[in-house]
Amino acid sequence: MANCFAESWIGSLKRECLNLFFCFSLRQLDHIVQTYVLFHNRFRPHQALGNRPPGAQEGPPLEPAETEVGPIRCQRWLGGLLNHYYHQAA
């Protein structure tokens, strides 16, 4: 059972990230994989969690008026391949 989850995750890593880079050393490959893992576990929404990242607050989604606090900002990783958009606090 765990094998299918591991294959799915490795497939996502390959499709979304590694197929777009040429890695010339193990250090570079390690940096790319660690950055993807950080993004995947902290910011990427997961369907099994109601399209929330792991560790997000549980409960009903906030109303749009409550979430629009400030200007929208973008946090980028790996040269803009991975992006996270958020409202900056006012």
PDB file of N, CA and C in Angstrom:
ATOM      1  N   MET A   1       0.820  -1.192   0.000  1.00  0.00           N
ATOM      2  CA  MET A   1       0.000   0.000   0.000  1.00  0.00           C
ATOM      3  C   MET A   1       0.867   1.261   0.000  1.00  0.00           C
ATOM      4  N   ALA A   2       1.916   1.271   0.800  1.00  0.00           N
ATOM      5  CA  ALA A   2       2.776   2.450   0.858  1.00  0.00           C
ATOM      6  C   ALA A   2       3.527   2.661  -0.452  1.00  0.00           C
ATOM      7  N   ASN A   3       3.768   1.595  -1.190  1.00  0.00           N
ATOM      8  CA  ASN A   3       4.499   1.696  -2.437  1.00  0.00           C
ATOM      9  C   ASN A   3       3.777   2.596  -3.441  1.00  0.00           C
ATOM     10  N   CYS A   4       2.456   2.528  -3.515  1.00  0.00           N
ATOM     11  CA  CYS A   4       1.723   3.359  -4.470  1.00  0.00           C
ATOM     12  C   CYS A   4       1.820   4.842  -4.107  1.00  0.00           C
ATOM     13  N   PHE A   5       1.841   5.157  -2.803  1.00  0.00           N
ATOM     14  CA  PHE A   5       1.991   6.555  -2.396  1.00  0.00           C
ATOM     15  C   PHE A   5       3.391   7.062  -2.706  1.00  0.00           C
ATOM     16  N   ALA A   6       4.404   6.237  -2.475  1.00  0.00           N
ATOM     17  CA  ALA A   6       5.783   6.626  -2.773  1.00  0.00           C
ATOM     18  C   ALA A   6       5.964   6.840  -4.274  1.00  0.00           C
ATOM     19  N   GLU A   7       5.415   5.951  -5.092  1.00  0.00           N
ATOM     20  CA  GLU A   7       5.516   6.107  -6.539  1.00  0.00           C
ATOM     21  C   GLU A   7       4.808   7.358  -7.024  1.00  0.00           C
ATOM     22  N   SER A   8       3.672   7.672  -6.443  1.00  0.00           N
ATOM     23  CA  SER A   8       2.942   8.880  -6.815  1.00  0.00           C
ATOM     24  C   SER A   8       3.735  10.134  -6.465  1.00  0.00           C
ATOM     25  N   TRP A   9       4.330  10.156  -5.274  1.00  0.00           N
ATOM     26  CA  TRP A   9       5.093  11.336  -4.843  1.00  0.00           C
ATOM     27  C   TRP A   9       6.345  11.514  -5.699  1.00  0.00           C
ATOM     28  N   ILE A  10       7.044  10.435  -5.974  1.00  0.00           N
ATOM     29  CA  ILE A  10       8.244  10.523  -6.805  1.00  0.00           C
ATOM     30  C   ILE A  10       7.877  10.947  -8.222  1.00  0.00           C
ATOM     31  N   GLY A  11       6.758  10.470  -8.737  1.00  0.00           N
ATOM     32  CA  GLY A  11       6.291  10.903 -10.044  1.00  0.00           C
ATOM     33  C   GLY A  11       5.985  12.390 -10.077  1.00  0.00           C
ATOM     34  N   SER A  12       5.374  12.908  -9.013  1.00  0.00           N
ATOM     35  CA  SER A  12       5.102  14.348  -8.937  1.00  0.00           C
ATOM     36  C   SER A  12       6.398  15.137  -8.902  1.00  0.00           C
ATOM     37  N   LEU A  13       7.362  14.680  -8.123  1.00  0.00           N
ATOM     38  CA  LEU A  13       8.666  15.348  -8.044  1.00  0.00           C
ATOM     39  C   LEU A  13       9.322  15.384  -9.416  1.00  0.00           C
ATOM     40  N   LYS A  14       9.277  14.288 -10.137  1.00  0.00           N
ATOM     41  CA  LYS A  14       9.901  14.238 -11.449  1.00  0.00           C
ATOM     42  C   LYS A  14       9.176  15.136 -12.452  1.00  0.00           C
ATOM     43  N   ARG A  15       7.837  15.047 -12.500  1.00  0.00           N
ATOM     44  CA  ARG A  15       7.071  15.819 -13.486  1.00  0.00           C
ATOM     45  C   ARG A  15       7.107  17.311 -13.215  1.00  0.00           C
ATOM     46  N   GLU A  16       6.919  17.701 -11.955  1.00  0.00           N
ATOM     47  CA  GLU A  16       6.771  19.113 -11.622  1.00  0.00           C
ATOM     48  C   GLU A  16       8.098  19.834 -11.436  1.00  0.00           C
ATOM     49  N   CYS A  17       9.173  19.086 -11.234  1.00  0.00           N
ATOM     50  CA  CYS A  17      10.413  19.751 -10.865  1.00  0.00           C
ATOM     51  C   CYS A  17      11.626  19.227 -11.632  1.00  0.00           C
ATOM     52  N   LEU A  18      11.983  17.979 -11.452  1.00  0.00           N
ATOM     53  CA  LEU A  18      13.261  17.475 -11.956  1.00  0.00           C
ATOM     54  C   LEU A  18      13.345  17.428 -13.479  1.00  0.00           C
ATOM     55  N   ASN A  19      12.245  17.247 -14.172  1.00  0.00           N
ATOM     56  CA  ASN A  19      12.281  17.226 -15.636  1.00  0.00           C
ATOM     57  C   ASN A  19      12.626  18.587 -16.226  1.00  0.00           C
ATOM     58  N   LEU A  20      12.592  19.641 -15.432  1.00  0.00           N
ATOM     59  CA  LEU A  20      12.840  20.988 -15.926  1.00  0.00           C
ATOM     60  C   LEU A  20      14.239  21.505 -15.608  1.00  0.00           C
ATOM     61  N   PHE A  21      15.080  20.679 -15.000  1.00  0.00           N
ATOM     62  CA  PHE A  21      16.425  21.094 -14.609  1.00  0.00           C
ATOM     63  C   PHE A  21      17.466  20.135 -15.160  1.00  0.00           C
ATOM     64  N   PHE A  22      18.664  20.679 -15.421  1.00  0.00           N
ATOM     65  CA  PHE A  22      19.849  19.872 -15.673  1.00  0.00           C
ATOM     66  C   PHE A  22      20.690  19.949 -14.417  1.00  0.00           C
ATOM     67  N   CYS A  23      20.900  18.848 -13.754  1.00  0.00           N
ATOM     68  CA  CYS A  23      21.692  18.823 -12.524  1.00  0.00           C
ATOM     69  C   CYS A  23      23.094  18.346 -12.858  1.00  0.00           C
ATOM     70  N   PHE A  24      24.087  19.133 -12.456  1.00  0.00           N
ATOM     71  CA  PHE A  24      25.475  18.806 -12.754  1.00  0.00           C
ATOM     72  C   PHE A  24      26.218  18.231 -11.557  1.00  0.00           C
ATOM     73  N   SER A  25      25.594  18.213 -10.396  1.00  0.00           N
ATOM     74  CA  SER A  25      26.239  17.631  -9.219  1.00  0.00           C
ATOM     75  C   SER A  25      25.172  17.124  -8.259  1.00  0.00           C
ATOM     76  N   LEU A  26      25.580  16.260  -7.345  1.00  0.00           N
ATOM     77  CA  LEU A  26      24.649  15.756  -6.342  1.00  0.00           C
ATOM     78  C   LEU A  26      24.212  16.872  -5.393  1.00  0.00           C
ATOM     79  N   ARG A  27      25.078  17.824  -5.142  1.00  0.00           N
ATOM     80  CA  ARG A  27      24.733  18.959  -4.265  1.00  0.00           C
ATOM     81  C   ARG A  27      23.596  19.780  -4.875  1.00  0.00           C
ATOM     82  N   GLN A  28      23.672  20.025  -6.158  1.00  0.00           N
ATOM     83  CA  GLN A  28      22.622  20.772  -6.841  1.00  0.00           C
ATOM     84  C   GLN A  28      21.307  19.984  -6.830  1.00  0.00           C
ATOM     85  N   LEU A  29      21.379  18.699  -7.102  1.00  0.00           N
ATOM     86  CA  LEU A  29      20.191  17.852  -7.073  1.00  0.00           C
ATOM     87  C   LEU A  29      19.581  17.832  -5.670  1.00  0.00           C
ATOM     88  N   ASP A  30      20.418  17.731  -4.649  1.00  0.00           N
ATOM     89  CA  ASP A  30      19.942  17.720  -3.271  1.00  0.00           C
ATOM     90  C   ASP A  30      19.244  19.039  -2.924  1.00  0.00           C
ATOM     91  N   HIS A  31      19.792  20.165  -3.368  1.00  0.00           N
ATOM     92  CA  HIS A  31      19.164  21.467  -3.102  1.00  0.00           C
ATOM     93  C   HIS A  31      17.791  21.550  -3.769  1.00  0.00           C
ATOM     94  N   ILE A  32      17.695  21.103  -5.003  1.00  0.00           N
ATOM     95  CA  ILE A  32      16.429  21.156  -5.734  1.00  0.00           C
ATOM     96  C   ILE A  32      15.379  20.274  -5.054  1.00  0.00           C
ATOM     97  N   VAL A  33      15.758  19.073  -4.670  1.00  0.00           N
ATOM     98  CA  VAL A  33      14.809  18.150  -4.029  1.00  0.00           C
ATOM     99  C   VAL A  33      14.383  18.683  -2.665  1.00  0.00           C
ATOM    100  N   GLN A  34      15.313  19.198  -1.858  1.00  0.00           N
ATOM    101  CA  GLN A  34      14.959  19.742  -0.543  1.00  0.00           C
ATOM    102  C   GLN A  34      14.031  20.944  -0.663  1.00  0.00           C
ATOM    103  N   THR A  35      14.264  21.799  -1.649  1.00  0.00           N
ATOM    104  CA  THR A  35      13.390  22.951  -1.862  1.00  0.00           C
ATOM    105  C   THR A  35      11.990  22.503  -2.263  1.00  0.00           C
ATOM    106  N   TYR A  36      11.897  21.504  -3.132  1.00  0.00           N
ATOM    107  CA  TYR A  36      10.596  20.985  -3.532  1.00  0.00           C
ATOM    108  C   TYR A  36       9.860  20.362  -2.351  1.00  0.00           C
ATOM    109  N   VAL A  37      10.571  19.615  -1.522  1.00  0.00           N
ATOM    110  CA  VAL A  37       9.958  18.981  -0.353  1.00  0.00           C
ATOM    111  C   VAL A  37       9.436  20.050   0.605  1.00  0.00           C
ATOM    112  N   LEU A  38      10.209  21.113   0.834  1.00  0.00           N
ATOM    113  CA  LEU A  38       9.762  22.214   1.696  1.00  0.00           C
ATOM    114  C   LEU A  38       8.490  22.847   1.143  1.00  0.00           C
ATOM    115  N   PHE A  39       8.476  23.135  -0.149  1.00  0.00           N
ATOM    116  CA  PHE A  39       7.304  23.729  -0.777  1.00  0.00           C
ATOM    117  C   PHE A  39       6.106  22.789  -0.692  1.00  0.00           C
ATOM    118  N   HIS A  40       6.323  21.514  -0.979  1.00  0.00           N
ATOM    119  CA  HIS A  40       5.240  20.525  -0.996  1.00  0.00           C
ATOM    120  C   HIS A  40       4.609  20.363   0.383  1.00  0.00           C
ATOM    121  N   ASN A  41       5.429  20.366   1.434  1.00  0.00           N
ATOM    122  CA  ASN A  41       4.918  20.119   2.778  1.00  0.00           C
ATOM    123  C   ASN A  41       4.398  21.368   3.482  1.00  0.00           C
ATOM    124  N   ARG A  42       4.792  22.551   3.072  1.00  0.00           N
ATOM    125  CA  ARG A  42       4.371  23.763   3.788  1.00  0.00           C
ATOM    126  C   ARG A  42       3.367  24.630   3.043  1.00  0.00           C
ATOM    127  N   PHE A  43       3.419  24.631   1.713  1.00  0.00           N
ATOM    128  CA  PHE A  43       2.623  25.610   0.979  1.00  0.00           C
ATOM    129  C   PHE A  43       1.681  25.018  -0.052  1.00  0.00           C
ATOM    130  N   ARG A  44       1.974  23.872  -0.605  1.00  0.00           N
ATOM    131  CA  ARG A  44       1.148  23.306  -1.671  1.00  0.00           C
ATOM    132  C   ARG A  44      -0.137  22.739  -1.090  1.00  0.00           C
ATOM    133  N   PRO A  45      -1.286  23.135  -1.632  1.00  0.00           N
ATOM    134  CA  PRO A  45      -2.552  22.595  -1.113  1.00  0.00           C
ATOM    135  C   PRO A  45      -2.711  21.117  -1.459  1.00  0.00           C
ATOM    136  N   HIS A  46      -3.242  20.355  -0.518  1.00  0.00           N
ATOM    137  CA  HIS A  46      -3.452  18.920  -0.696  1.00  0.00           C
ATOM    138  C   HIS A  46      -4.953  18.642  -0.723  1.00  0.00           C
ATOM    139  N   GLN A  47      -5.414  17.888  -1.726  1.00  0.00           N
ATOM    140  CA  GLN A  47      -6.833  17.607  -1.873  1.00  0.00           C
ATOM    141  C   GLN A  47      -7.379  16.826  -0.689  1.00  0.00           C
ATOM    142  N   ALA A  48      -6.596  15.940  -0.109  1.00  0.00           N
ATOM    143  CA  ALA A  48      -7.072  15.140   1.012  1.00  0.00           C
ATOM    144  C   ALA A  48      -7.321  15.986   2.260  1.00  0.00           C
ATOM    145  N   LEU A  49      -6.747  17.191   2.306  1.00  0.00           N
ATOM    146  CA  LEU A  49      -6.923  18.083   3.453  1.00  0.00           C
ATOM    147  C   LEU A  49      -7.852  19.247   3.132  1.00  0.00           C
ATOM    148  N   GLY A  50      -8.697  19.096   2.140  1.00  0.00           N
ATOM    149  CA  GLY A  50      -9.618  20.172   1.771  1.00  0.00           C
ATOM    150  C   GLY A  50      -8.912  21.325   1.086  1.00  0.00           C
ATOM    151  N   ASN A  51      -7.917  21.020   0.267  1.00  0.00           N
ATOM    152  CA  ASN A  51      -7.108  22.010  -0.453  1.00  0.00           C
ATOM    153  C   ASN A  51      -6.406  22.989   0.487  1.00  0.00           C
ATOM    154  N   ARG A  52      -5.951  22.461   1.608  1.00  0.00           N
ATOM    155  CA  ARG A  52      -5.138  23.241   2.547  1.00  0.00           C
ATOM    156  C   ARG A  52      -3.777  22.575   2.669  1.00  0.00           C
ATOM    157  N   PRO A  53      -2.745  23.361   2.937  1.00  0.00           N
ATOM    158  CA  PRO A  53      -1.442  22.729   3.168  1.00  0.00           C
ATOM    159  C   PRO A  53      -1.420  22.010   4.506  1.00  0.00           C
ATOM    160  N   PRO A  54      -0.544  21.033   4.677  1.00  0.00           N
ATOM    161  CA  PRO A  54      -0.447  20.352   5.968  1.00  0.00           C
ATOM    162  C   PRO A  54      -0.113  21.361   7.072  1.00  0.00           C
ATOM    163  N   GLY A  55      -0.742  21.212   8.221  1.00  0.00           N
ATOM    164  CA  GLY A  55      -0.492  22.115   9.340  1.00  0.00           C
ATOM    165  C   GLY A  55      -1.339  23.367   9.326  1.00  0.00           C
ATOM    166  N   ALA A  56      -2.191  23.537   8.312  1.00  0.00           N
ATOM    167  CA  ALA A  56      -3.065  24.713   8.271  1.00  0.00           C
ATOM    168  C   ALA A  56      -4.159  24.565   9.318  1.00  0.00           C
ATOM    169  N   GLN A  57      -4.770  25.678   9.667  1.00  0.00           N
ATOM    170  CA  GLN A  57      -5.823  25.665  10.674  1.00  0.00           C
ATOM    171  C   GLN A  57      -7.001  24.833  10.186  1.00  0.00           C
ATOM    172  N   GLU A  58      -7.543  24.060  11.075  1.00  0.00           N
ATOM    173  CA  GLU A  58      -8.728  23.272  10.760  1.00  0.00           C
ATOM    174  C   GLU A  58      -9.961  24.152  10.926  1.00  0.00           C
ATOM    175  N   GLY A  59     -11.026  23.763  10.278  1.00  0.00           N
ATOM    176  CA  GLY A  59     -12.274  24.506  10.408  1.00  0.00           C
ATOM    177  C   GLY A  59     -12.779  24.933   9.050  1.00  0.00           C
ATOM    178  N   PRO A  60     -13.910  25.632   9.029  1.00  0.00           N
ATOM    179  CA  PRO A  60     -14.485  26.054   7.750  1.00  0.00           C
ATOM    180  C   PRO A  60     -13.610  27.112   7.084  1.00  0.00           C
ATOM    181  N   PRO A  61     -13.630  27.177   5.762  1.00  0.00           N
ATOM    182  CA  PRO A  61     -12.850  28.205   5.073  1.00  0.00           C
ATOM    183  C   PRO A  61     -13.366  29.601   5.409  1.00  0.00           C
ATOM    184  N   LEU A  62     -12.463  30.559   5.412  1.00  0.00           N
ATOM    185  CA  LEU A  62     -12.834  31.932   5.729  1.00  0.00           C
ATOM    186  C   LEU A  62     -13.582  32.564   4.564  1.00  0.00           C
ATOM    187  N   GLU A  63     -14.427  33.526   4.880  1.00  0.00           N
ATOM    188  CA  GLU A  63     -15.132  34.266   3.848  1.00  0.00           C
ATOM    189  C   GLU A  63     -14.129  35.126   3.077  1.00  0.00           C
ATOM    190  N   PRO A  64     -14.380  35.412   1.789  1.00  0.00           N
ATOM    191  CA  PRO A  64     -13.435  36.219   1.012  1.00  0.00           C
ATOM    192  C   PRO A  64     -13.172  37.596   1.632  1.00  0.00           C
ATOM    193  N   ALA A  65     -14.176  38.209   2.239  1.00  0.00           N
ATOM    194  CA  ALA A  65     -13.979  39.529   2.840  1.00  0.00           C
ATOM    195  C   ALA A  65     -13.017  39.457   4.028  1.00  0.00           C
ATOM    196  N   GLU A  66     -12.992  38.326   4.740  1.00  0.00           N
ATOM    197  CA  GLU A  66     -12.117  38.190   5.893  1.00  0.00           C
ATOM    198  C   GLU A  66     -10.671  37.937   5.500  1.00  0.00           C
ATOM    199  N   THR A  67     -10.443  37.338   4.340  1.00  0.00           N
ATOM    200  CA  THR A  67      -9.084  36.996   3.949  1.00  0.00           C
ATOM    201  C   THR A  67      -8.380  38.128   3.216  1.00  0.00           C
ATOM    202  N   GLU A  68      -9.088  39.032   2.611  1.00  0.00           N
ATOM    203  CA  GLU A  68      -8.464  40.114   1.857  1.00  0.00           C
ATOM    204  C   GLU A  68      -8.011  41.207   2.811  1.00  0.00           C
ATOM    205  N   VAL A  69      -6.767  41.094   3.264  1.00  0.00           N
ATOM    206  CA  VAL A  69      -6.252  42.025   4.259  1.00  0.00           C
ATOM    207  C   VAL A  69      -5.337  43.048   3.622  1.00  0.00           C
ATOM    208  N   GLY A  70      -4.438  42.608   2.796  1.00  0.00           N
ATOM    209  CA  GLY A  70      -3.464  43.509   2.211  1.00  0.00           C
ATOM    210  C   GLY A  70      -3.171  43.122   0.775  1.00  0.00           C
ATOM    211  N   PRO A  71      -2.113  43.717   0.219  1.00  0.00           N
ATOM    212  CA  PRO A  71      -1.761  43.393  -1.167  1.00  0.00           C
ATOM    213  C   PRO A  71      -1.287  41.944  -1.300  1.00  0.00           C
ATOM    214  N   ILE A  72      -1.451  41.401  -2.477  1.00  0.00           N
ATOM    215  CA  ILE A  72      -1.040  40.025  -2.744  1.00  0.00           C
ATOM    216  C   ILE A  72       0.454  40.011  -3.022  1.00  0.00           C
ATOM    217  N   ARG A  73       1.152  39.110  -2.373  1.00  0.00           N
ATOM    218  CA  ARG A  73       2.596  38.945  -2.539  1.00  0.00           C
ATOM    219  C   ARG A  73       2.879  37.552  -3.092  1.00  0.00           C
ATOM    220  N   CYS A  74       4.047  37.407  -3.684  1.00  0.00           N
ATOM    221  CA  CYS A  74       4.454  36.127  -4.260  1.00  0.00           C
ATOM    222  C   CYS A  74       5.805  35.725  -3.676  1.00  0.00           C
ATOM    223  N   GLN A  75       5.879  34.502  -3.211  1.00  0.00           N
ATOM    224  CA  GLN A  75       7.136  33.939  -2.744  1.00  0.00           C
ATOM    225  C   GLN A  75       7.552  32.899  -3.772  1.00  0.00           C
ATOM    226  N   ARG A  76       8.791  33.006  -4.286  1.00  0.00           N
ATOM    227  CA  ARG A  76       9.245  32.138  -5.379  1.00  0.00           C
ATOM    228  C   ARG A  76      10.410  31.274  -4.940  1.00  0.00           C
ATOM    229  N   TRP A  77      10.424  30.051  -5.486  1.00  0.00           N
ATOM    230  CA  TRP A  77      11.525  29.128  -5.273  1.00  0.00           C
ATOM    231  C   TRP A  77      11.970  28.584  -6.616  1.00  0.00           C
ATOM    232  N   LEU A  78      13.210  28.179  -6.679  1.00  0.00           N
ATOM    233  CA  LEU A  78      13.803  27.538  -7.855  1.00  0.00           C
ATOM    234  C   LEU A  78      13.608  28.379  -9.110  1.00  0.00           C
ATOM    235  N   GLY A  79      13.931  29.647  -9.013  1.00  0.00           N
ATOM    236  CA  GLY A  79      13.874  30.526 -10.180  1.00  0.00           C
ATOM    237  C   GLY A  79      12.471  30.800 -10.675  1.00  0.00           C
ATOM    238  N   GLY A  80      11.469  30.701  -9.840  1.00  0.00           N
ATOM    239  CA  GLY A  80      10.095  30.972 -10.233  1.00  0.00           C
ATOM    240  C   GLY A  80       9.324  29.736 -10.666  1.00  0.00           C
ATOM    241  N   LEU A  81       9.927  28.567 -10.568  1.00  0.00           N
ATOM    242  CA  LEU A  81       9.216  27.338 -10.924  1.00  0.00           C
ATOM    243  C   LEU A  81       8.115  27.045  -9.917  1.00  0.00           C
ATOM    244  N   LEU A  82       8.390  27.261  -8.635  1.00  0.00           N
ATOM    245  CA  LEU A  82       7.417  27.061  -7.569  1.00  0.00           C
ATOM    246  C   LEU A  82       7.040  28.419  -7.002  1.00  0.00           C
ATOM    247  N   ASN A  83       5.754  28.717  -6.952  1.00  0.00           N
ATOM    248  CA  ASN A  83       5.273  30.010  -6.470  1.00  0.00           C
ATOM    249  C   ASN A  83       4.216  29.814  -5.397  1.00  0.00           C
ATOM    250  N   HIS A  84       4.238  30.717  -4.420  1.00  0.00           N
ATOM    251  CA  HIS A  84       3.217  30.728  -3.371  1.00  0.00           C
ATOM    252  C   HIS A  84       2.705  32.158  -3.254  1.00  0.00           C
ATOM    253  N   TYR A  85       1.397  32.351  -3.438  1.00  0.00           N
ATOM    254  CA  TYR A  85       0.786  33.675  -3.366  1.00  0.00           C
ATOM    255  C   TYR A  85       0.039  33.808  -2.038  1.00  0.00           C
ATOM    256  N   TYR A  86       0.148  34.972  -1.423  1.00  0.00           N
ATOM    257  CA  TYR A  86      -0.493  35.202  -0.128  1.00  0.00           C
ATOM    258  C   TYR A  86      -0.807  36.681   0.024  1.00  0.00           C
ATOM    259  N   HIS A  87      -1.737  36.985   0.927  1.00  0.00           N
ATOM    260  CA  HIS A  87      -2.062  38.373   1.266  1.00  0.00           C
ATOM    261  C   HIS A  87      -1.095  38.833   2.337  1.00  0.00           C
ATOM    262  N   GLN A  88      -0.486  39.991   2.113  1.00  0.00           N
ATOM    263  CA  GLN A  88       0.391  40.556   3.128  1.00  0.00           C
ATOM    264  C   GLN A  88      -0.477  41.222   4.192  1.00  0.00           C
ATOM    265  N   ALA A  89      -0.099  41.031   5.444  1.00  0.00           N
ATOM    266  CA  ALA A  89      -0.865  41.631   6.544  1.00  0.00           C
ATOM    267  C   ALA A  89      -0.809  43.141   6.439  1.00  0.00           C
ATOM    268  N   ALA A  90      -1.906  43.787   6.789  1.00  0.00           N
ATOM    269  CA  ALA A  90      -1.986  45.239   6.709  1.00  0.00           C
ATOM    270  C   ALA A  90      -1.237  45.897   7.837  1.00  0.00           C
TER     271      ALA A  90
END
